[in-house]
Amino acid sequence: MSANLRAWFEGYIAAFNRNDFDGFGAYYAQDVVFAGQAAQVVGRAAVLDFYRTVKAYLDESLELLTFVGAPDGSRIAAELRTSLVARRDWPDMPTGGMLAGDRRESVNFVLYDIDDGHFVRVRSARFGKGRA
């Protein structure tokens, strides 16, 4: 997979952006450890439950800004722009409430550990707001 790692990862981003839960969920190991800014969960089902909640309130999309893949395919470091648009009020959103129509954008560094073609650990840190 290492030669096609970027294309594989872009497939993940595309599935995420079109809300294809089966598609992007297939990238997560059953026991993935997910440490995002809005949730720290363990397991594919928990990650998908988290995103089902998020996407019930928000339109969320990712844009790949920078990609670095380990030569052996075991790790990805990505700089992602995340865009959020609230479809309905979410006053107790974990990263700060949003009202219908609100827009929020951030740039994040995300590290993905990969084993056997699946994310086994995902760690995210915010770099900044807005355009990078």
Protein backbone atom coordinates (compact mmCIF):
# COMPACT_ATOMS: atom_id res chain seq x y z
CA MET A 1 0.00 0.00 0.00
CA SER A 2 2.91 2.41 0.58
CA ALA A 3 3.22 3.36 -3.12
CA ASN A 4 -0.46 4.30 -3.26
CA LEU A 5 -0.78 5.59 0.31
CA ARG A 6 -1.78 9.11 -0.71
CA ALA A 7 -4.45 7.87 -3.15
CA TRP A 8 -5.75 5.48 -0.48
CA PHE A 9 -5.95 8.35 2.03
CA GLU A 10 -7.65 10.64 -0.50
CA GLY A 11 -10.28 7.88 -0.85
CA TYR A 12 -10.89 8.15 2.89
CA ILE A 13 -11.27 11.96 2.67
CA ALA A 14 -13.67 11.63 -0.28
CA ALA A 15 -15.84 9.08 1.56
CA PHE A 16 -15.84 11.27 4.68
CA ASN A 17 -16.86 14.35 2.71
CA ARG A 18 -19.79 12.58 1.03
CA ASN A 19 -20.99 11.18 4.39
CA ASP A 20 -20.37 7.61 3.27
CA PHE A 21 -20.20 6.02 6.72
CA ASP A 22 -19.58 2.52 5.35
CA GLY A 23 -16.88 3.90 3.06
CA PHE A 24 -14.87 5.92 5.57
CA GLY A 25 -15.68 3.54 8.42
CA ALA A 26 -13.90 0.75 6.54
CA TYR A 27 -10.61 2.62 7.10
CA TYR A 28 -10.83 2.21 10.90
CA ALA A 29 -9.64 -0.91 12.71
CA GLN A 30 -12.24 -2.53 14.97
CA ASP A 31 -10.26 -1.38 18.03
CA VAL A 32 -9.01 1.99 16.72
CA VAL A 33 -7.98 4.56 19.34
CA PHE A 34 -9.34 7.93 18.24
CA ALA A 35 -8.13 11.07 20.02
CA GLY A 36 -9.80 14.04 18.37
CA GLN A 37 -10.51 17.47 19.75
CA ALA A 38 -14.20 16.79 20.29
CA ALA A 39 -13.98 13.15 21.35
CA GLN A 40 -11.64 10.47 22.64
CA VAL A 41 -13.13 7.08 21.86
CA VAL A 42 -12.04 3.51 21.26
CA GLY A 43 -13.44 1.30 18.53
CA ARG A 44 -14.79 1.72 15.01
CA ALA A 45 -18.39 1.68 16.22
CA ALA A 46 -17.69 4.48 18.71
CA VAL A 47 -15.95 6.59 16.04
CA LEU A 48 -18.88 6.15 13.67
CA ASP A 49 -21.40 6.91 16.43
CA PHE A 50 -19.46 10.10 17.16
CA TYR A 51 -19.53 11.16 13.50
CA ARG A 52 -23.22 10.27 13.15
CA THR A 53 -23.93 12.72 15.98
CA VAL A 54 -21.67 15.39 14.48
CA LYS A 55 -23.12 15.05 11.00
CA ALA A 56 -26.68 15.18 12.35
CA TYR A 57 -25.95 18.78 13.36
CA LEU A 58 -23.21 19.90 10.98
CA ASP A 59 -22.01 19.74 7.43
CA GLU A 60 -18.35 18.86 7.95
CA SER A 61 -15.79 18.66 5.19
CA LEU A 62 -12.05 18.05 5.07
CA GLU A 63 -9.49 19.48 2.67
CA LEU A 64 -6.07 17.88 2.48
CA LEU A 65 -3.41 20.60 2.62
CA THR A 66 -0.26 18.59 3.33
CA PHE A 67 0.40 14.87 3.18
CA VAL A 68 3.41 12.95 4.46
CA GLY A 69 3.32 9.17 4.31
CA ALA A 70 5.85 6.83 5.89
CA PRO A 71 7.70 4.82 3.21
CA ASP A 72 6.51 1.57 4.78
CA GLY A 73 2.87 2.71 4.82
CA SER A 74 2.61 2.55 8.60
CA ARG A 75 1.89 6.20 9.30
CA ILE A 76 0.41 9.35 7.76
CA ALA A 77 0.90 12.92 8.93
CA ALA A 78 -1.67 15.24 7.39
CA GLU A 79 -2.51 18.91 7.59
CA LEU A 80 -6.28 19.19 7.11
CA ARG A 81 -8.59 22.16 6.82
CA THR A 82 -11.88 21.33 8.51
CA SER A 83 -14.95 23.33 7.55
CA LEU A 84 -18.11 23.17 9.65
CA VAL A 85 -21.52 24.63 8.84
CA ALA A 86 -24.27 24.18 11.44
CA ARG A 87 -27.54 22.93 9.94
CA ARG A 88 -29.25 23.33 13.31
CA ASP A 89 -28.40 24.70 16.74
CA TRP A 90 -25.92 22.66 18.76
CA PRO A 91 -25.39 24.68 21.94
CA ASP A 92 -23.42 21.99 23.78
CA MET A 93 -21.12 21.00 20.94
CA PRO A 94 -17.91 19.66 22.55
CA THR A 95 -15.63 22.27 20.92
CA GLY A 96 -17.99 25.21 21.50
CA GLY A 97 -21.65 25.77 20.67
CA MET A 98 -22.85 26.64 17.20
CA LEU A 99 -26.15 28.04 15.98
CA ALA A 100 -27.85 27.15 12.70
CA GLY A 101 -26.00 28.89 9.89
CA ASP A 102 -22.77 29.39 11.84
CA ARG A 103 -19.55 28.55 10.01
CA ARG A 104 -16.26 27.53 11.55
CA GLU A 105 -12.97 26.61 9.94
CA SER A 106 -9.77 25.26 11.44
CA VAL A 107 -6.47 23.80 10.34
CA ASN A 108 -5.44 20.63 12.12
CA PHE A 109 -2.48 18.28 12.20
CA VAL A 110 -3.62 14.66 12.26
CA LEU A 111 -1.43 11.60 12.74
CA TYR A 112 -2.73 8.24 11.56
CA ASP A 113 -1.05 4.98 12.60
CA ILE A 114 -1.86 2.21 10.12
CA ASP A 115 -1.74 -1.57 10.43
CA ASP A 116 -3.06 -4.07 7.90
CA GLY A 117 -4.75 -1.34 5.85
CA HIS A 118 -6.65 0.25 8.76
CA PHE A 119 -6.20 3.21 11.06
CA VAL A 120 -5.30 1.81 14.47
CA ARG A 121 -4.68 5.19 16.12
CA VAL A 122 -5.74 8.70 15.11
CA ARG A 123 -4.46 11.78 16.93
CA SER A 124 -5.46 15.35 16.11
CA ALA A 125 -4.21 18.76 17.21
CA ARG A 126 -5.49 22.16 16.15
CA PHE A 127 -2.96 24.39 14.42
CA GLY A 128 -5.11 27.43 13.78
CA LYS A 129 -8.30 28.97 12.54
CA GLY A 130 -9.14 29.93 9.00
CA ARG A 131 -6.94 29.80 5.95
CA ALA A 132 -3.47 28.26 6.11
